[in-house]
C-alpha atoms as a PDB file:
ATOM      1  CA  MET A   1     100.555 126.090 132.052  1.00  0.00           C
ATOM      2  CA  ARG A   2     100.642 126.962 128.380  1.00  0.00           C
ATOM      3  CA  TRP A   3      98.677 130.147 129.053  1.00  0.00           C
ATOM      4  CA  ALA A   4     100.886 131.410 131.894  1.00  0.00           C
ATOM      5  CA  ALA A   5     103.090 133.583 129.668  1.00  0.00           C
ATOM      6  CA  ASP A   6     100.024 135.088 127.985  1.00  0.00           C
ATOM      7  CA  GLU A   7      98.443 135.890 131.340  1.00  0.00           C
ATOM      8  CA  VAL A   8     101.624 137.610 132.516  1.00  0.00           C
ATOM      9  CA  GLY A   9     101.822 139.528 129.247  1.00  0.00           C
ATOM     10  CA  LEU A  10      98.231 140.726 129.575  1.00  0.00           C
ATOM     11  CA  LEU A  11      98.760 141.897 133.142  1.00  0.00           C
ATOM     12  CA  ARG A  12     101.898 143.793 132.121  1.00  0.00           C
ATOM     13  CA  LYS A  13      99.942 145.439 129.301  1.00  0.00           C
ATOM     14  CA  GLN A  14      97.229 146.443 131.778  1.00  0.00           C
ATOM     15  CA  LEU A  15      99.821 148.385 133.764  1.00  0.00           C
ATOM     16  CA  THR A  16     100.146 150.816 130.877  1.00  0.00           C
ATOM     17  CA  GLN A  17      96.420 151.110 130.225  1.00  0.00           C
ATOM     18  CA  VAL A  18      94.768 151.489 133.616  1.00  0.00           C
ATOM     19  CA  PRO A  19      94.489 154.723 135.590  1.00  0.00           C
ATOM     20  CA  ALA A  20      97.427 155.414 137.919  1.00  0.00           C
ATOM     21  CA  GLU A  21      95.417 154.682 141.065  1.00  0.00           C
ATOM     22  CA  GLU A  22      94.723 151.120 139.864  1.00  0.00           C
ATOM     23  CA  ARG A  23      98.346 150.277 139.034  1.00  0.00           C
ATOM     24  CA  PRO A  24      99.381 149.143 142.533  1.00  0.00           C
ATOM     25  CA  ALA A  25      96.623 146.504 142.514  1.00  0.00           C
ATOM     26  CA  ILE A  26      97.661 145.297 139.049  1.00  0.00           C
ATOM     27  CA  ARG A  27     101.321 145.151 140.166  1.00  0.00           C
ATOM     28  CA  GLU A  28     100.397 143.010 143.183  1.00  0.00           C
ATOM     29  CA  LEU A  29      98.285 140.734 141.021  1.00  0.00           C
ATOM     30  CA  LEU A  30     101.105 140.459 138.478  1.00  0.00           C
ATOM     31  CA  LYS A  31     103.574 139.596 141.219  1.00  0.00           C
ATOM     32  CA  ALA A  32     101.312 136.952 142.746  1.00  0.00           C
ATOM     33  CA  ARG A  33     100.277 135.366 139.448  1.00  0.00           C
ATOM     34  CA  THR A  34     103.841 135.296 138.167  1.00  0.00           C
ATOM     35  CA  PHE A  35     104.978 133.459 141.291  1.00  0.00           C
ATOM     36  CA  GLU A  36     102.024 131.036 141.266  1.00  0.00           C
ATOM     37  CA  ARG A  37     102.353 130.178 137.582  1.00  0.00           C
ATOM     38  CA  ALA A  38     106.154 129.886 137.658  1.00  0.00           C
ATOM     39  CA  TYR A  39     106.003 127.665 140.747  1.00  0.00           C
ATOM     40  CA  THR A  40     103.388 125.406 139.151  1.00  0.00           C
ATOM     41  CA  ILE A  41     105.471 125.054 135.994  1.00  0.00           C
ATOM     42  CA  TYR A  42     108.636 124.453 138.011  1.00  0.00           C
ATOM     43  CA  SER A  43     106.938 121.761 140.118  1.00  0.00           C
ATOM     44  CA  TYR A  44     105.625 120.058 137.019  1.00  0.00           C
ATOM     45  CA  GLY A  45     109.107 120.126 135.533  1.00  0.00           C
ATOM     46  CA  MET A  46     110.710 118.613 138.615  1.00  0.00           C
ATOM     47  CA  GLU A  47     108.195 115.774 138.730  1.00  0.00           C
ATOM     48  CA  THR A  48     107.225 115.150 135.112  1.00  0.00           C
ATOM     49  CA  ASP A  49     108.756 116.982 132.146  1.00  0.00           C
ATOM     50  CA  ARG A  50     111.706 119.334 132.566  1.00  0.00           C
ATOM     51  CA  ALA A  51     111.940 120.160 128.862  1.00  0.00           C
ATOM     52  CA  PHE A  52     108.315 121.321 128.724  1.00  0.00           C
ATOM     53  CA  ALA A  53     108.709 123.316 131.942  1.00  0.00           C
ATOM     54  CA  ARG A  54     111.911 124.936 130.684  1.00  0.00           C
ATOM     55  CA  GLY A  55     110.132 126.063 127.517  1.00  0.00           C
ATOM     56  CA  GLN A  56     107.196 127.510 129.442  1.00  0.00           C
ATOM     57  CA  LEU A  57     109.425 129.346 131.921  1.00  0.00           C
ATOM     58  CA  LEU A  58     111.434 130.775 129.025  1.00  0.00           C
ATOM     59  CA  ARG A  59     108.189 131.993 127.423  1.00  0.00           C
ATOM     60  CA  MET A  60     107.257 133.679 130.704  1.00  0.00           C
ATOM     61  CA  LEU A  61     110.694 135.255 130.938  1.00  0.00           C
ATOM     62  CA  ARG A  62     110.342 136.679 127.433  1.00  0.00           C
ATOM     63  CA  ARG A  63     107.062 138.307 128.449  1.00  0.00           C
ATOM     64  CA  TYR A  64     108.438 139.534 131.778  1.00  0.00           C
ATOM     65  CA  PRO A  65     112.230 139.791 131.400  1.00  0.00           C
ATOM     66  CA  THR A  66     112.753 141.571 134.717  1.00  0.00           C
ATOM     67  CA  SER A  67     111.107 138.823 136.792  1.00  0.00           C
ATOM     68  CA  THR A  68     113.687 137.442 139.174  1.00  0.00           C
ATOM     69  CA  ARG A  69     111.128 134.869 140.328  1.00  0.00           C
ATOM     70  CA  VAL A  70     110.744 133.304 136.909  1.00  0.00           C
ATOM     71  CA  LEU A  71     114.502 133.358 136.437  1.00  0.00           C
ATOM     72  CA  ALA A  72     115.029 131.732 139.840  1.00  0.00           C
ATOM     73  CA  PHE A  73     112.609 128.897 139.012  1.00  0.00           C
ATOM     74  CA  LEU A  74     114.282 128.421 135.643  1.00  0.00           C
ATOM     75  CA  VAL A  75     117.697 128.127 137.279  1.00  0.00           C
ATOM     76  CA  ALA A  76     116.345 125.860 140.020  1.00  0.00           C
ATOM     77  CA  LEU A  77     114.897 123.556 137.384  1.00  0.00           C
ATOM     78  CA  HIS A  78     118.457 122.795 136.256  1.00  0.00           C
ATOM     79  CA  LEU A  79     119.893 122.073 139.696  1.00  0.00           C
ATOM     80  CA  PRO A  80     120.270 118.503 140.927  1.00  0.00           C
ATOM     81  CA  ARG A  81     117.345 117.505 143.134  1.00  0.00           C
ATOM     82  CA  ARG A  82     119.378 117.317 146.334  1.00  0.00           C
ATOM     83  CA  LEU A  83     120.936 120.756 145.852  1.00  0.00           C
ATOM     84  CA  ASN A  84     117.559 122.120 144.808  1.00  0.00           C
ATOM     85  CA  ARG A  85     115.985 121.067 148.110  1.00  0.00           C
ATOM     86  CA  ARG A  86     118.803 122.672 150.073  1.00  0.00           C
ATOM     87  CA  VAL A  87     118.634 125.950 148.144  1.00  0.00           C
ATOM     88  CA  GLY A  88     114.833 125.941 148.432  1.00  0.00           C
ATOM     89  CA  SER A  89     115.040 125.532 152.181  1.00  0.00           C
ATOM     90  CA  VAL A  90     117.390 128.506 152.516  1.00  0.00           C
ATOM     91  CA  ALA A  91     115.250 130.599 150.145  1.00  0.00           C
ATOM     92  CA  ARG A  92     112.065 129.883 152.118  1.00  0.00           C
ATOM     93  CA  ARG A  93     113.761 130.978 155.351  1.00  0.00           C
ATOM     94  CA  LEU A  94     114.955 134.206 153.728  1.00  0.00           C
ATOM     95  CA  ILE A  95     111.499 134.924 152.306  1.00  0.00           C
ATOM     96  CA  ASN A  96     109.821 134.284 155.650  1.00  0.00           C
ATOM     97  CA  ARG A  97     112.359 136.467 157.442  1.00  0.00           C
ATOM     98  CA  SER A  98     111.785 139.374 155.013  1.00  0.00           C
ATOM     99  CA  ARG A  99     107.992 139.179 155.556  1.00  0.00           C
ATOM    100  CA  GLY A 100     108.283 139.411 159.331  1.00  0.00           C
END
């Protein structure tokens, strides 16, 4: 989890250094990795150590300030558990609807 922000930073740097035809693949990878890492950190925070998770999500947000996913997990980390489950349920339905 400590390397998540560095990984995101490296992928963002790659976007400026690779040929234009490779950028869509890097963007998709960046999107997927950002979600995976942020979700892992968020889950760890909800179950084990919120302070650590908050710090790691903030580091990721500094590296990728336009990431709404990282911001959403950071906000969700501060919600009460019951409200968090409810919001998560609605969010999953919206995500699944937008994919279909």
